[in-house]
Protein backbone atom coordinates (compact mmCIF):
# COMPACT_ATOMS: atom_id res chain seq x y z
CA UNK A 1 94.38 -117.05 -95.49
CA UNK A 2 91.27 -115.71 -97.27
CA UNK A 3 93.36 -113.59 -99.64
CA UNK A 4 95.07 -116.78 -100.96
CA UNK A 5 91.72 -118.55 -101.42
CA UNK A 6 90.21 -115.54 -103.21
CA UNK A 7 93.28 -115.27 -105.44
CA UNK A 8 93.06 -118.96 -106.32
CA UNK A 9 89.40 -118.66 -107.29
CA UNK A 10 90.06 -115.49 -109.33
CA UNK A 11 92.93 -117.13 -111.19
CA UNK A 12 91.01 -120.41 -111.77
CA UNK A 13 87.92 -118.72 -113.19
CA UNK A 14 89.82 -115.74 -114.74
CA UNK A 15 87.73 -113.22 -112.82
CA UNK A 16 88.67 -109.66 -113.49
CA UNK A 17 87.76 -107.12 -110.81
CA UNK A 18 86.54 -103.77 -112.09
CA UNK A 19 88.84 -100.91 -111.11
CA UNK A 20 87.58 -97.47 -110.08
CA UNK A 21 89.33 -94.55 -111.67
CA UNK A 22 91.05 -92.14 -109.25
CA UNK A 23 88.79 -89.26 -110.26
CA UNK A 24 85.70 -91.30 -109.32
CA UNK A 25 87.17 -92.16 -105.91
CA UNK A 26 88.08 -88.53 -105.37
CA UNK A 27 84.49 -87.36 -106.27
CA UNK A 28 83.01 -89.97 -103.89
CA UNK A 29 85.29 -88.87 -101.04
CA UNK A 30 84.49 -85.20 -101.69
CA UNK A 31 80.77 -85.91 -101.48
CA UNK A 32 81.23 -87.83 -98.22
CA UNK A 33 83.34 -84.98 -96.83
CA UNK A 34 80.69 -82.41 -97.84
CA UNK A 35 77.98 -84.34 -96.11
CA UNK A 36 80.00 -84.98 -92.96
CA UNK A 37 80.92 -81.31 -92.62
CA UNK A 38 77.29 -80.29 -93.40
CA UNK A 39 78.28 -78.35 -96.53
CA UNK A 40 75.47 -80.30 -98.27
CA UNK A 41 72.55 -82.21 -96.85
CA UNK A 42 72.50 -85.97 -96.69
CA UNK A 43 69.79 -86.12 -99.30
CA UNK A 44 71.77 -83.95 -101.72
CA UNK A 45 74.83 -86.22 -101.09
CA UNK A 46 72.82 -89.29 -101.90
CA UNK A 47 71.57 -87.66 -105.12
CA UNK A 48 75.12 -86.72 -106.06
CA UNK A 49 76.37 -90.22 -105.44
CA UNK A 50 73.55 -91.75 -107.50
CA UNK A 51 74.20 -89.25 -110.26
CA UNK A 52 77.85 -90.09 -110.18
CA UNK A 53 77.03 -93.81 -110.46
CA UNK A 54 74.71 -93.28 -113.35
CA UNK A 55 77.04 -91.01 -115.28
CA UNK A 56 79.95 -93.43 -114.82
CA UNK A 57 77.92 -96.37 -116.19
CA UNK A 58 76.79 -94.22 -119.09
CA UNK A 59 80.40 -93.34 -119.96
CA UNK A 60 81.59 -96.98 -119.89
CA UNK A 61 78.47 -98.35 -121.59
CA UNK A 62 76.21 -101.14 -120.58
CA UNK A 63 78.34 -103.70 -122.50
CA UNK A 64 80.76 -103.81 -119.54
CA UNK A 65 77.93 -104.80 -117.23
CA UNK A 66 76.87 -107.86 -119.26
CA UNK A 67 80.31 -109.22 -120.16
CA UNK A 68 79.98 -112.38 -118.01
């Protein structure tokens, strides 16, 4: 039910969802696995996730963020 409503809204207003590249998803999952198996600390995992987020935005540029 909700999927149909969301799809209608997206089509009506031509909303494009950003897609995450597979390598980004893999890096996120690896960080989560490292934290859960105590390979790295939670703090280090957070830092790695934040660093990943910043580096991804820098690669794509800030123009993608303000394209509304």
